[in-house]
Structures are given as C-alpha cells and as structure tokens.
Amino acid sequence: MLFEVEDNAINYEVAVAFHAHKLKSSARAVGAYELADLCEILETAGKAGEWDEIDLFSAQMRPAQVRILNSVNRL
C-alpha cells in the first residue's frame, strides 16, 4: 500500500486519500503509529487537494517504513 500512496501522490488527490486511509488502518492495527499518523495527514490533505502537504508528508513515509522494518527485524 505504501507504493500506491507514493505513486498516486503524483497524480490524484482522491486516490491519495483512499490509499492513505487503507494504510492508516493497517498501520494502526499493527502498532505502527508514526506511519498511521502520516497517513492520516495525507488522507486529509488528499481530500483537500493540499499538494504542498501531500508532497511534504509523502516524502516522510519511506523513512518511517524503514524505521518500522528495522524495529521488526530486531524482534
């Protein structure tokens, strides 16, 4: 889902909101709250067509994913 959010950030704010919402739910379910919070911001920005926020916060998703994967790998 992360790739869908990144790919759609280039083109369609509705798709950004949709995919960010899906990923937000999944992230919260597994305790990845940092990623879920970013998704919530992206969902809101997508619905509002706020491209500056979409660009800013979508760029933060990949580093958040890396931190999550590093945490999981330490388990």
N, C-alpha and C. Protein backbone atom coordinates (compact mmCIF):
# COMPACT_ATOMS: atom_id res chain seq x y z
N MET A 1 0.81 -1.19 0.00
CA MET A 1 0.00 0.00 0.00
C MET A 1 0.85 1.26 0.00
N LEU A 2 2.03 1.20 0.60
CA LEU A 2 2.90 2.37 0.61
C LEU A 2 3.22 2.82 -0.80
N PHE A 3 3.49 1.87 -1.69
CA PHE A 3 3.81 2.22 -3.07
C PHE A 3 2.62 2.88 -3.76
N GLU A 4 1.41 2.43 -3.46
CA GLU A 4 0.23 3.04 -4.05
C GLU A 4 0.08 4.49 -3.61
N VAL A 5 0.36 4.75 -2.32
CA VAL A 5 0.28 6.12 -1.83
C VAL A 5 1.30 6.98 -2.54
N GLU A 6 2.55 6.50 -2.65
CA GLU A 6 3.59 7.28 -3.31
C GLU A 6 3.27 7.50 -4.78
N ASP A 7 2.85 6.45 -5.48
CA ASP A 7 2.54 6.56 -6.90
C ASP A 7 1.39 7.53 -7.16
N ASN A 8 0.36 7.44 -6.34
CA ASN A 8 -0.81 8.28 -6.56
C ASN A 8 -0.61 9.71 -6.10
N ALA A 9 0.38 9.96 -5.26
CA ALA A 9 0.65 11.33 -4.82
C ALA A 9 1.02 12.20 -5.99
N ILE A 10 1.54 11.60 -7.04
CA ILE A 10 1.93 12.35 -8.22
C ILE A 10 0.70 12.80 -9.00
N ASN A 11 -0.38 12.05 -8.97
CA ASN A 11 -1.49 12.28 -9.89
C ASN A 11 -2.82 12.69 -9.28
N TYR A 12 -3.32 11.99 -8.29
CA TYR A 12 -4.73 12.15 -7.92
C TYR A 12 -4.92 12.26 -6.41
N GLU A 13 -5.46 13.40 -5.99
CA GLU A 13 -5.65 13.58 -4.56
C GLU A 13 -6.69 12.62 -3.98
N VAL A 14 -7.70 12.25 -4.75
CA VAL A 14 -8.70 11.30 -4.26
C VAL A 14 -8.06 9.94 -4.00
N ALA A 15 -7.21 9.51 -4.91
CA ALA A 15 -6.52 8.23 -4.74
C ALA A 15 -5.56 8.28 -3.56
N VAL A 16 -4.90 9.42 -3.36
CA VAL A 16 -4.02 9.57 -2.20
C VAL A 16 -4.84 9.38 -0.93
N ALA A 17 -5.96 10.05 -0.84
CA ALA A 17 -6.81 9.93 0.35
C ALA A 17 -7.27 8.49 0.56
N PHE A 18 -7.67 7.82 -0.51
CA PHE A 18 -8.16 6.44 -0.43
C PHE A 18 -7.07 5.49 0.08
N HIS A 19 -5.90 5.53 -0.55
CA HIS A 19 -4.82 4.61 -0.17
C HIS A 19 -4.23 4.96 1.19
N ALA A 20 -4.16 6.25 1.50
CA ALA A 20 -3.66 6.64 2.82
C ALA A 20 -4.61 6.14 3.91
N HIS A 21 -5.91 6.19 3.65
CA HIS A 21 -6.88 5.69 4.62
C HIS A 21 -6.70 4.19 4.85
N LYS A 22 -6.53 3.43 3.78
CA LYS A 22 -6.33 1.98 3.90
C LYS A 22 -5.06 1.66 4.68
N LEU A 23 -3.98 2.35 4.35
CA LEU A 23 -2.71 2.08 5.03
C LEU A 23 -2.77 2.54 6.48
N LYS A 24 -3.47 3.63 6.75
CA LYS A 24 -3.62 4.13 8.12
C LYS A 24 -4.24 3.05 9.01
N SER A 25 -5.29 2.44 8.53
CA SER A 25 -5.97 1.40 9.31
C SER A 25 -5.05 0.21 9.57
N SER A 26 -4.34 -0.22 8.55
CA SER A 26 -3.42 -1.35 8.70
C SER A 26 -2.28 -1.01 9.65
N ALA A 27 -1.75 0.19 9.51
CA ALA A 27 -0.63 0.60 10.36
C ALA A 27 -1.06 0.65 11.83
N ARG A 28 -2.23 1.18 12.10
CA ARG A 28 -2.70 1.24 13.48
C ARG A 28 -2.93 -0.16 14.04
N ALA A 29 -3.41 -1.06 13.20
CA ALA A 29 -3.70 -2.42 13.66
C ALA A 29 -2.45 -3.14 14.14
N VAL A 30 -1.29 -2.79 13.58
CA VAL A 30 -0.05 -3.45 13.98
C VAL A 30 0.82 -2.57 14.87
N GLY A 31 0.30 -1.43 15.29
CA GLY A 31 1.04 -0.57 16.22
C GLY A 31 2.05 0.36 15.58
N ALA A 32 1.97 0.55 14.27
CA ALA A 32 2.89 1.45 13.56
C ALA A 32 2.27 2.86 13.55
N TYR A 33 2.26 3.47 14.73
CA TYR A 33 1.52 4.72 14.90
C TYR A 33 2.13 5.90 14.16
N GLU A 34 3.45 5.93 14.04
CA GLU A 34 4.09 7.01 13.28
C GLU A 34 3.59 7.00 11.84
N LEU A 35 3.59 5.83 11.23
CA LEU A 35 3.11 5.70 9.85
C LEU A 35 1.62 6.02 9.76
N ALA A 36 0.85 5.56 10.73
CA ALA A 36 -0.59 5.84 10.74
C ALA A 36 -0.85 7.34 10.83
N ASP A 37 -0.07 8.04 11.64
CA ASP A 37 -0.25 9.49 11.76
C ASP A 37 0.06 10.19 10.45
N LEU A 38 1.13 9.76 9.76
CA LEU A 38 1.45 10.33 8.46
C LEU A 38 0.32 10.07 7.47
N CYS A 39 -0.22 8.87 7.51
CA CYS A 39 -1.33 8.53 6.61
C CYS A 39 -2.56 9.38 6.89
N GLU A 40 -2.82 9.65 8.15
CA GLU A 40 -3.97 10.49 8.49
C GLU A 40 -3.79 11.90 7.92
N ILE A 41 -2.59 12.43 8.02
CA ILE A 41 -2.31 13.75 7.45
C ILE A 41 -2.49 13.71 5.93
N LEU A 42 -1.97 12.65 5.30
CA LEU A 42 -2.09 12.53 3.85
C LEU A 42 -3.54 12.35 3.42
N GLU A 43 -4.30 11.60 4.18
CA GLU A 43 -5.71 11.41 3.85
C GLU A 43 -6.45 12.76 3.86
N THR A 44 -6.22 13.53 4.90
CA THR A 44 -6.85 14.85 5.00
C THR A 44 -6.38 15.78 3.89
N ALA A 45 -5.07 15.78 3.63
CA ALA A 45 -4.51 16.63 2.57
C ALA A 45 -5.04 16.21 1.20
N GLY A 46 -5.18 14.91 0.98
CA GLY A 46 -5.71 14.43 -0.29
C GLY A 46 -7.14 14.88 -0.51
N LYS A 47 -7.94 14.79 0.53
CA LYS A 47 -9.34 15.23 0.42
C LYS A 47 -9.45 16.72 0.15
N ALA A 48 -8.47 17.49 0.66
CA ALA A 48 -8.49 18.94 0.49
C ALA A 48 -7.72 19.41 -0.73
N GLY A 49 -7.02 18.48 -1.40
CA GLY A 49 -6.21 18.86 -2.56
C GLY A 49 -5.01 19.71 -2.19
N GLU A 50 -4.48 19.51 -0.99
CA GLU A 50 -3.34 20.28 -0.50
C GLU A 50 -2.03 19.63 -0.95
N TRP A 51 -1.58 19.97 -2.15
CA TRP A 51 -0.43 19.29 -2.74
C TRP A 51 0.88 19.58 -2.01
N ASP A 52 1.03 20.73 -1.41
CA ASP A 52 2.25 21.00 -0.64
C ASP A 52 2.36 20.04 0.53
N GLU A 53 1.25 19.82 1.23
CA GLU A 53 1.26 18.87 2.35
C GLU A 53 1.43 17.44 1.86
N ILE A 54 0.80 17.10 0.77
CA ILE A 54 0.95 15.75 0.22
C ILE A 54 2.42 15.49 -0.11
N ASP A 55 3.06 16.42 -0.77
CA ASP A 55 4.48 16.26 -1.11
C ASP A 55 5.34 16.15 0.14
N LEU A 56 5.11 17.03 1.10
CA LEU A 56 5.91 17.05 2.32
C LEU A 56 5.78 15.75 3.11
N PHE A 57 4.56 15.32 3.34
CA PHE A 57 4.36 14.16 4.21
C PHE A 57 4.54 12.83 3.49
N SER A 58 4.29 12.77 2.19
CA SER A 58 4.56 11.52 1.48
C SER A 58 6.05 11.24 1.44
N ALA A 59 6.87 12.29 1.42
CA ALA A 59 8.33 12.11 1.45
C ALA A 59 8.79 11.53 2.79
N GLN A 60 8.00 11.68 3.83
CA GLN A 60 8.37 11.15 5.15
C GLN A 60 7.94 9.70 5.35
N MET A 61 7.17 9.16 4.42
CA MET A 61 6.66 7.80 4.59
C MET A 61 7.73 6.74 4.44
N ARG A 62 8.60 6.90 3.47
CA ARG A 62 9.65 5.90 3.25
C ARG A 62 10.57 5.78 4.48
N PRO A 63 11.07 6.89 5.04
CA PRO A 63 11.88 6.76 6.25
C PRO A 63 11.11 6.13 7.41
N ALA A 64 9.82 6.42 7.53
CA ALA A 64 9.02 5.80 8.58
C ALA A 64 8.93 4.29 8.36
N GLN A 65 8.76 3.89 7.10
CA GLN A 65 8.70 2.46 6.79
C GLN A 65 10.02 1.78 7.16
N VAL A 66 11.13 2.41 6.87
CA VAL A 66 12.44 1.84 7.20
C VAL A 66 12.57 1.67 8.71
N ARG A 67 12.14 2.66 9.49
CA ARG A 67 12.21 2.54 10.94
C ARG A 67 11.34 1.39 11.44
N ILE A 68 10.17 1.22 10.85
CA ILE A 68 9.29 0.11 11.24
C ILE A 68 9.95 -1.23 10.92
N LEU A 69 10.48 -1.36 9.72
CA LEU A 69 11.13 -2.62 9.34
C LEU A 69 12.33 -2.91 10.23
N ASN A 70 13.10 -1.90 10.57
CA ASN A 70 14.23 -2.10 11.47
C ASN A 70 13.77 -2.58 12.84
N SER A 71 12.68 -2.02 13.33
CA SER A 71 12.13 -2.45 14.62
C SER A 71 11.66 -3.90 14.56
N VAL A 72 10.99 -4.26 13.49
CA VAL A 72 10.50 -5.63 13.33
C VAL A 72 11.67 -6.60 13.24
N ASN A 73 12.70 -6.23 12.53
CA ASN A 73 13.86 -7.11 12.37
C ASN A 73 14.61 -7.33 13.67
N ARG A 74 14.48 -6.41 14.62
CA ARG A 74 15.14 -6.57 15.92
C ARG A 74 14.38 -7.51 16.84
N LEU A 75 13.16 -7.86 16.49
CA LEU A 75 12.35 -8.75 17.35
C LEU A 75 12.88 -10.16 17.34
